[in-house]
């Protein structure tokens, strides 16, 4: 059983580290030694994201936004307020990615009449892939006379507010084994169909659902207490969280953080690392201690600025990643809700990992990461 963060911190000073832990490697190991392979077959925390099923996260993403109403839920107002409600997502994502991901959104400013009543599409939790694809196909087919789909990489579908049956916002990832949805000689591979929850979540629902198109899993829990794993520390968890900047691990997985911005400890030893806050470009973003074939601990610096201006605390956020844990079951688990301040530590004696926050300040934080035990068999 893992020791709780508070108890582990108290025990840390009582642990005797073997001589191997006192010597730093002669040269910093490659970040590749801390990259994990996915082990779920779908959205997970592995770095080997399927380049066919998922959209690459870097570069410009040309997005066509469609506005849909229904025979039983006809729109009574213009489309402009809908587009304006989601528009800040482009700047949010650009800042979150350090300018390495850009949404180039083109709204088709007309209401597209869907061929079936809104209630017939079955928008309930547990919505099947087939039902979702039918909804997307109907929207694309209705819009095809008015847009050239070959010019776009992704499609967003926004329903009229009158369509209360279209309640939530799932992402659509194509299945290459099926005919799928095509228009203008182009297959629609990636889409988000928004629901009425967009009015509650605001533009950050775009960042969350588009994150799925890039291969990111859900960090909130599908059962039990919803936000027990990461709280509000990543938009893939609590969309309305006060510190929604993508975790440094996600930024690395998506290609927004380079390998040379990752400090890796993949074998017994210790490293002292100066971390630049993840809310800012440049510098070393994460310190990673690999503990097994699919597991690692990550430390990163967080500040109440940029996309995290409402962060509940500042300092070093420490979390465990497991690329074998499925989406919605806690593939990332923050060790405590509050970021760690200088002088504080976290220890997991079972994994043989300790993280000390050595110093902090306006420029970031300094951490010392220690691994005094070899990873489990077959770890690397």
Protein backbone atom coordinates (compact mmCIF):
# COMPACT_ATOMS: atom_id res chain seq x y z
CA UNK A 1 0.00 0.00 0.00
CA UNK A 2 1.31 3.43 -0.92
CA UNK A 3 2.15 5.81 1.92
CA UNK A 4 0.03 8.96 2.01
CA UNK A 5 1.90 12.16 1.03
CA UNK A 6 1.79 13.66 4.51
CA UNK A 7 2.97 10.50 6.27
CA UNK A 8 5.57 9.89 3.59
CA UNK A 9 6.99 13.36 4.06
CA UNK A 10 7.37 12.72 7.76
CA UNK A 11 9.10 9.39 7.13
CA UNK A 12 11.45 10.80 4.52
CA UNK A 13 14.11 11.90 7.00
CA UNK A 14 14.19 8.41 8.55
CA UNK A 15 15.01 6.58 5.32
CA UNK A 16 18.57 5.46 4.66
CA UNK A 17 19.52 5.69 1.03
CA UNK A 18 22.10 3.26 -0.39
CA UNK A 19 25.35 4.59 -1.73
CA UNK A 20 24.09 4.36 -5.32
CA UNK A 21 21.57 7.11 -4.61
CA UNK A 22 24.21 9.66 -3.71
CA UNK A 23 25.94 9.68 -7.05
CA UNK A 24 24.53 11.56 -10.00
CA UNK A 25 24.87 10.04 -13.46
CA UNK A 26 27.99 11.15 -15.35
CA UNK A 27 25.80 12.65 -18.03
CA UNK A 28 22.07 13.45 -17.90
CA UNK A 29 20.11 10.50 -19.31
CA UNK A 30 17.98 10.89 -22.41
CA UNK A 31 14.36 11.82 -21.89
CA UNK A 32 13.43 8.77 -23.94
CA UNK A 33 14.29 6.61 -20.93
CA UNK A 34 11.29 8.11 -19.12
CA UNK A 35 8.77 7.98 -21.97
CA UNK A 36 6.11 5.34 -21.35
CA UNK A 37 4.39 3.13 -23.90
CA UNK A 38 0.62 3.05 -23.92
CA UNK A 39 -0.94 -0.15 -22.68
CA UNK A 40 -4.68 0.40 -23.07
CA UNK A 41 -5.15 0.45 -26.83
CA UNK A 42 -6.90 3.81 -26.74
CA UNK A 43 -6.43 7.27 -25.19
CA UNK A 44 -3.82 6.86 -22.47
CA UNK A 45 -0.66 8.43 -21.08
CA UNK A 46 1.73 6.60 -23.40
CA UNK A 47 3.96 8.52 -25.78
CA UNK A 48 3.34 6.15 -28.68
CA UNK A 49 0.09 7.84 -29.72
CA UNK A 50 -1.35 6.21 -32.85
CA UNK A 51 -0.62 8.70 -35.66
CA UNK A 52 -3.48 7.34 -37.76
CA UNK A 53 -6.34 7.34 -35.27
CA UNK A 54 -5.41 10.60 -33.55
CA UNK A 55 -4.74 14.08 -34.88
CA UNK A 56 -1.19 15.36 -34.45
CA UNK A 57 -1.14 18.08 -31.81
CA UNK A 58 1.38 20.48 -33.34
CA UNK A 59 0.90 22.94 -36.17
CA UNK A 60 -2.22 24.58 -37.56
CA UNK A 61 -5.57 22.83 -37.29
CA UNK A 62 -8.12 24.02 -39.84
CA UNK A 63 -11.54 23.68 -38.23
CA UNK A 64 -14.98 24.10 -39.80
CA UNK A 65 -17.73 24.92 -37.32
CA UNK A 66 -21.30 23.93 -38.23
CA UNK A 67 -24.41 25.18 -36.45
CA UNK A 68 -27.25 22.65 -36.34
CA UNK A 69 -30.92 22.92 -35.52
CA UNK A 70 -33.66 20.30 -35.69
CA UNK A 71 -37.27 19.81 -36.81
CA UNK A 72 -38.29 19.69 -33.13
CA UNK A 73 -35.81 22.37 -31.95
CA UNK A 74 -35.57 25.23 -34.44
CA UNK A 75 -33.06 27.97 -33.75
CA UNK A 76 -34.58 31.36 -32.97
CA UNK A 77 -31.44 33.50 -33.02
CA UNK A 78 -28.28 34.09 -35.07
CA UNK A 79 -25.19 31.87 -35.01
CA UNK A 80 -22.76 34.67 -34.10
CA UNK A 81 -23.21 34.40 -30.29
CA UNK A 82 -22.47 30.68 -30.44
CA UNK A 83 -19.24 31.26 -32.34
CA UNK A 84 -18.24 34.08 -29.99
CA UNK A 85 -18.82 31.86 -26.95
CA UNK A 86 -16.27 29.30 -28.15
CA UNK A 87 -13.87 31.65 -29.95
CA UNK A 88 -11.50 32.27 -26.96
CA UNK A 89 -10.46 28.61 -27.21
CA UNK A 90 -8.06 29.43 -30.05
CA UNK A 91 -6.02 31.84 -27.93
CA UNK A 92 -6.28 29.53 -24.91
CA UNK A 93 -4.84 26.58 -26.83
CA UNK A 94 -2.14 28.69 -28.47
CA UNK A 95 -0.96 29.87 -25.04
CA UNK A 96 -1.21 26.39 -23.51
CA UNK A 97 0.93 24.92 -26.31
CA UNK A 98 3.55 27.70 -26.32
CA UNK A 99 2.37 28.60 -29.81
CA UNK A 100 2.92 25.08 -31.16
CA UNK A 101 -0.79 24.37 -31.73
CA UNK A 102 -3.10 26.78 -33.50
CA UNK A 103 -6.82 26.50 -34.15
CA UNK A 104 -7.81 28.21 -37.39
CA UNK A 105 -11.59 28.17 -36.97
CA UNK A 106 -14.00 28.98 -39.81
CA UNK A 107 -17.66 29.23 -38.71
CA UNK A 108 -20.29 28.43 -41.35
CA UNK A 109 -22.72 31.13 -40.30
CA UNK A 110 -26.04 29.53 -41.16
CA UNK A 111 -28.27 27.05 -39.41
CA UNK A 112 -28.01 23.56 -40.85
CA UNK A 113 -31.30 21.70 -40.48
CA UNK A 114 -30.79 18.15 -39.27
CA UNK A 115 -33.03 15.54 -40.93
CA UNK A 116 -34.25 13.92 -37.68
CA UNK A 117 -35.63 15.19 -34.37
CA UNK A 118 -33.05 15.96 -31.70
CA UNK A 119 -34.39 13.29 -29.35
CA UNK A 120 -33.82 10.59 -31.97
CA UNK A 121 -30.01 10.85 -31.76
CA UNK A 122 -29.81 9.22 -28.34
CA UNK A 123 -27.55 11.73 -26.58
CA UNK A 124 -27.22 10.03 -23.24
CA UNK A 125 -24.14 8.87 -21.36
CA UNK A 126 -23.23 5.64 -23.03
CA UNK A 127 -23.92 7.09 -26.47
CA UNK A 128 -22.72 4.48 -28.95
CA UNK A 129 -20.10 5.14 -31.61
CA UNK A 130 -22.64 4.28 -34.31
CA UNK A 131 -25.24 6.72 -32.99
CA UNK A 132 -22.64 9.45 -32.65
CA UNK A 133 -21.37 8.85 -36.17
CA UNK A 134 -24.92 9.02 -37.50
CA UNK A 135 -25.35 12.44 -35.88
CA UNK A 136 -22.10 13.70 -37.38
CA UNK A 137 -22.93 12.25 -40.80
CA UNK A 138 -26.32 13.97 -40.84
CA UNK A 139 -24.72 17.32 -39.95
CA UNK A 140 -21.97 16.99 -42.56
CA UNK A 141 -24.40 15.87 -45.28
CA UNK A 142 -26.74 18.79 -44.56
CA UNK A 143 -23.82 21.24 -44.68
CA UNK A 144 -22.07 19.83 -47.76
CA UNK A 145 -23.85 22.14 -50.25
CA UNK A 146 -22.49 25.16 -48.36
CA UNK A 147 -18.90 24.21 -47.51
CA UNK A 148 -15.87 22.49 -49.02
CA UNK A 149 -14.88 19.89 -46.43
CA UNK A 150 -11.64 19.12 -48.25
CA UNK A 151 -10.23 22.38 -46.89
CA UNK A 152 -10.49 21.36 -43.24
CA UNK A 153 -8.80 18.99 -40.80
CA UNK A 154 -11.48 18.88 -38.12
CA UNK A 155 -15.18 19.65 -37.75
CA UNK A 156 -17.03 21.16 -34.79
CA UNK A 157 -20.84 20.82 -34.64
CA UNK A 158 -22.73 23.24 -32.38
CA UNK A 159 -26.45 22.69 -31.66
CA UNK A 160 -29.10 25.35 -31.18
CA UNK A 161 -29.84 26.15 -27.54
CA UNK A 162 -33.36 24.99 -28.17
CA UNK A 163 -32.05 21.43 -28.68
CA UNK A 164 -31.95 20.40 -25.01
CA UNK A 165 -31.72 16.72 -26.01
CA UNK A 166 -28.18 17.33 -27.33
CA UNK A 167 -26.93 17.56 -23.79
CA UNK A 168 -23.16 16.91 -23.73
CA UNK A 169 -20.04 17.27 -25.90
CA UNK A 170 -18.30 14.07 -27.07
CA UNK A 171 -15.28 13.91 -29.35
CA UNK A 172 -15.43 11.81 -32.53
CA UNK A 173 -12.46 9.74 -33.68
CA UNK A 174 -12.93 7.85 -36.93
CA UNK A 175 -12.67 4.08 -37.23
CA UNK A 176 -10.42 3.21 -40.21
CA UNK A 177 -12.12 -0.20 -40.49
CA UNK A 178 -15.47 1.37 -41.44
CA UNK A 179 -16.66 3.61 -44.34
CA UNK A 180 -17.12 6.51 -41.93
CA UNK A 181 -18.25 10.00 -42.88
CA UNK A 182 -17.13 11.56 -46.16
CA UNK A 183 -17.82 14.83 -47.93
CA UNK A 184 -16.21 16.48 -50.96
CA UNK A 185 -14.02 13.42 -51.45
CA UNK A 186 -12.58 13.82 -47.94
CA UNK A 187 -13.05 11.63 -44.91
CA UNK A 188 -14.02 13.44 -41.72
CA UNK A 189 -11.59 11.89 -39.25
CA UNK A 190 -11.82 14.15 -36.24
CA UNK A 191 -14.76 16.11 -34.87
CA UNK A 192 -16.32 17.46 -31.69
CA UNK A 193 -20.09 17.59 -31.40
CA UNK A 194 -20.90 20.10 -28.70
CA UNK A 195 -23.91 19.93 -26.42
CA UNK A 196 -25.71 22.24 -24.04
CA UNK A 197 -22.94 21.72 -21.48
CA UNK A 198 -20.83 24.13 -23.57
CA UNK A 199 -22.77 26.96 -21.96
CA UNK A 200 -21.70 25.72 -18.53
CA UNK A 201 -18.06 24.90 -19.34
CA UNK A 202 -17.37 27.79 -21.69
CA UNK A 203 -14.60 27.77 -24.28
CA UNK A 204 -12.41 25.39 -22.26
CA UNK A 205 -14.68 22.53 -23.35
CA UNK A 206 -13.04 23.00 -26.76
CA UNK A 207 -9.60 22.43 -25.21
CA UNK A 208 -10.84 19.34 -23.37
CA UNK A 209 -12.55 17.65 -26.31
CA UNK A 210 -9.86 18.61 -28.81
CA UNK A 211 -7.40 17.07 -26.35
CA UNK A 212 -9.13 13.76 -26.96
CA UNK A 213 -8.61 14.18 -30.71
CA UNK A 214 -4.89 14.54 -29.92
CA UNK A 215 -4.95 11.31 -27.88
CA UNK A 216 -5.36 12.52 -24.29
CA UNK A 217 -7.47 10.51 -21.80
CA UNK A 218 -10.02 11.78 -19.32
CA UNK A 219 -8.46 12.51 -15.93
CA UNK A 220 -11.73 12.78 -14.05
CA UNK A 221 -13.21 9.58 -12.59
CA UNK A 222 -16.09 7.90 -14.40
CA UNK A 223 -17.34 6.47 -11.11
CA UNK A 224 -17.25 7.66 -7.51
CA UNK A 225 -16.02 11.14 -6.60
CA UNK A 226 -15.54 12.74 -10.00
CA UNK A 227 -12.44 14.86 -9.44
CA UNK A 228 -10.58 12.81 -6.84
CA UNK A 229 -7.56 12.02 -9.05
CA UNK A 230 -6.29 15.41 -10.27
CA UNK A 231 -8.75 17.97 -8.96
CA UNK A 232 -8.63 21.12 -11.07
CA UNK A 233 -5.01 20.83 -12.23
CA UNK A 234 -5.63 19.91 -15.89
CA UNK A 235 -8.43 20.70 -18.32
CA UNK A 236 -8.64 16.97 -19.10
CA UNK A 237 -9.88 16.59 -15.52
CA UNK A 238 -12.13 19.37 -14.23
CA UNK A 239 -12.89 21.59 -17.22
CA UNK A 240 -13.98 24.33 -14.82
CA UNK A 241 -10.91 23.86 -12.62
CA UNK A 242 -8.90 26.84 -11.45
CA UNK A 243 -5.57 25.56 -12.84
CA UNK A 244 -6.56 24.04 -16.21
CA UNK A 245 -3.20 24.32 -18.00
CA UNK A 246 -2.30 20.92 -19.45
CA UNK A 247 0.07 18.98 -17.21
CA UNK A 248 3.70 19.08 -18.24
CA UNK A 249 3.49 15.36 -19.00
CA UNK A 250 0.69 16.03 -21.48
CA UNK A 251 2.64 18.86 -23.07
CA UNK A 252 5.55 16.48 -23.60
CA UNK A 253 3.28 13.72 -24.96
CA UNK A 254 1.73 16.18 -27.42
CA UNK A 255 5.06 17.50 -28.69
CA UNK A 256 4.70 20.98 -27.22
CA UNK A 257 7.53 20.33 -24.76
CA UNK A 258 10.77 19.07 -26.33
CA UNK A 259 12.81 16.13 -25.05
CA UNK A 260 15.59 18.48 -23.98
CA UNK A 261 13.10 20.20 -21.65
CA UNK A 262 12.57 16.96 -19.71
CA UNK A 263 14.87 15.89 -16.86
CA UNK A 264 14.73 12.09 -16.68
CA UNK A 265 15.81 9.82 -13.85
CA UNK A 266 15.28 6.32 -15.21
CA UNK A 267 17.66 4.42 -12.92
CA UNK A 268 18.71 4.62 -9.26
CA UNK A 269 20.41 7.92 -8.52
CA UNK A 270 19.50 11.52 -7.91
CA UNK A 271 19.19 14.76 -9.88
CA UNK A 272 18.74 18.37 -8.93
CA UNK A 273 16.58 20.18 -11.48
CA UNK A 274 15.58 23.81 -11.96
CA UNK A 275 12.01 23.88 -13.27
CA UNK A 276 10.43 26.71 -15.23
CA UNK A 277 6.68 27.06 -14.63
CA UNK A 278 4.58 25.14 -17.16
CA UNK A 279 2.55 28.29 -17.76
CA UNK A 280 5.58 29.91 -19.46
CA UNK A 281 7.51 28.91 -22.57
CA UNK A 282 11.13 27.78 -22.35
CA UNK A 283 13.24 26.10 -19.70
CA UNK A 284 13.03 22.64 -18.19
CA UNK A 285 9.38 21.76 -17.75
CA UNK A 286 9.25 18.43 -15.89
CA UNK A 287 11.41 16.14 -13.80
CA UNK A 288 10.42 12.50 -14.36
CA UNK A 289 11.35 9.50 -12.20
CA UNK A 290 10.50 6.28 -13.97
CA UNK A 291 9.44 3.52 -11.62
CA UNK A 292 8.20 0.73 -13.88
CA UNK A 293 7.23 -0.34 -17.37
CA UNK A 294 4.14 1.88 -17.36
CA UNK A 295 4.70 4.11 -14.31
CA UNK A 296 6.53 7.29 -13.46
CA UNK A 297 6.42 10.16 -10.99
CA UNK A 298 6.48 13.70 -12.38
CA UNK A 299 7.31 17.02 -10.70
CA UNK A 300 6.52 20.36 -12.33
CA UNK A 301 6.39 24.01 -11.35
CA UNK A 302 3.01 25.78 -11.30
CA UNK A 303 2.22 29.48 -11.01
CA UNK A 304 -1.01 31.49 -10.86
CA UNK A 305 -0.64 33.13 -14.26
CA UNK A 306 -1.65 32.69 -17.88
CA UNK A 307 -4.24 29.95 -18.23
CA UNK A 308 -3.71 29.16 -14.53
CA UNK A 309 -4.35 32.65 -13.19
CA UNK A 310 -6.87 31.24 -10.69
CA UNK A 311 -4.59 28.46 -9.40
CA UNK A 312 -5.35 27.61 -5.74
CA UNK A 313 -1.65 27.31 -4.86
CA UNK A 314 1.79 27.70 -6.41
CA UNK A 315 4.89 25.57 -6.16
CA UNK A 316 5.73 22.03 -7.24
CA UNK A 317 2.93 19.76 -8.37
CA UNK A 318 3.79 16.06 -7.99
CA UNK A 319 1.80 13.30 -9.64
CA UNK A 320 2.05 9.67 -10.68
CA UNK A 321 1.41 8.57 -14.27
CA UNK A 322 0.38 5.06 -15.30
CA UNK A 323 0.03 4.43 -19.02
CA UNK A 324 -1.71 1.09 -18.34
CA UNK A 325 -4.63 2.72 -16.52
CA UNK A 326 -7.60 3.39 -18.83
CA UNK A 327 -9.22 6.75 -19.40
CA UNK A 328 -11.54 7.70 -16.56
CA UNK A 329 -9.88 5.33 -14.07
CA UNK A 330 -7.07 7.60 -12.88
CA UNK A 331 -4.17 7.39 -15.38
CA UNK A 332 -2.77 10.44 -13.54
CA UNK A 333 -3.00 10.88 -9.78
CA UNK A 334 -1.85 14.05 -8.07
CA UNK A 335 -0.28 13.14 -4.72
CA UNK A 336 -1.99 16.01 -2.93
CA UNK A 337 -4.32 18.84 -3.92
CA UNK A 338 -1.95 21.65 -2.93
CA UNK A 339 1.34 22.26 -4.71
CA UNK A 340 4.49 21.67 -2.62
CA UNK A 341 6.43 24.64 -1.23
CA UNK A 342 10.20 24.93 -0.60
CA UNK A 343 11.26 22.68 2.27
CA UNK A 344 8.49 20.14 1.63
CA UNK A 345 9.01 16.60 0.36
CA UNK A 346 7.12 13.64 -0.99
CA UNK A 347 8.23 10.02 -0.60
CA UNK A 348 6.85 6.77 -1.96
CA UNK A 349 8.87 4.09 -0.14
CA UNK A 350 7.25 1.29 -2.14
CA UNK A 351 8.37 2.72 -5.49
CA UNK A 352 11.64 3.98 -3.99
CA UNK A 353 11.09 7.62 -4.96
CA UNK A 354 11.58 10.89 -3.13
CA UNK A 355 11.04 14.47 -4.34
CA UNK A 356 12.40 17.39 -2.31
CA UNK A 357 11.49 20.98 -3.11
CA UNK A 358 14.81 22.70 -2.54
CA UNK A 359 13.94 26.27 -3.50
CA UNK A 360 11.29 28.42 -5.14
CA UNK A 361 10.83 31.94 -6.42
CA UNK A 362 9.60 34.07 -9.26
CA UNK A 363 11.56 32.17 -11.89
CA UNK A 364 10.35 28.71 -10.87
CA UNK A 365 11.34 25.94 -8.50
CA UNK A 366 14.34 23.72 -7.78
CA UNK A 367 13.67 20.07 -6.99
CA UNK A 368 15.85 17.13 -6.04
CA UNK A 369 14.52 13.81 -7.30
CA UNK A 370 15.86 10.54 -5.88
CA UNK A 371 15.33 6.93 -6.84
CA UNK A 372 16.94 4.40 -4.54
CA UNK A 373 15.39 1.20 -5.81
CA UNK A 374 15.39 -0.45 -9.22
CA UNK A 375 12.11 -0.52 -11.10
CA UNK A 376 10.06 -3.68 -11.28
CA UNK A 377 11.03 -6.46 -13.66
CA UNK A 378 10.61 -5.57 -17.31
CA UNK A 379 10.36 -1.87 -16.49
CA UNK A 380 12.44 -0.57 -19.35
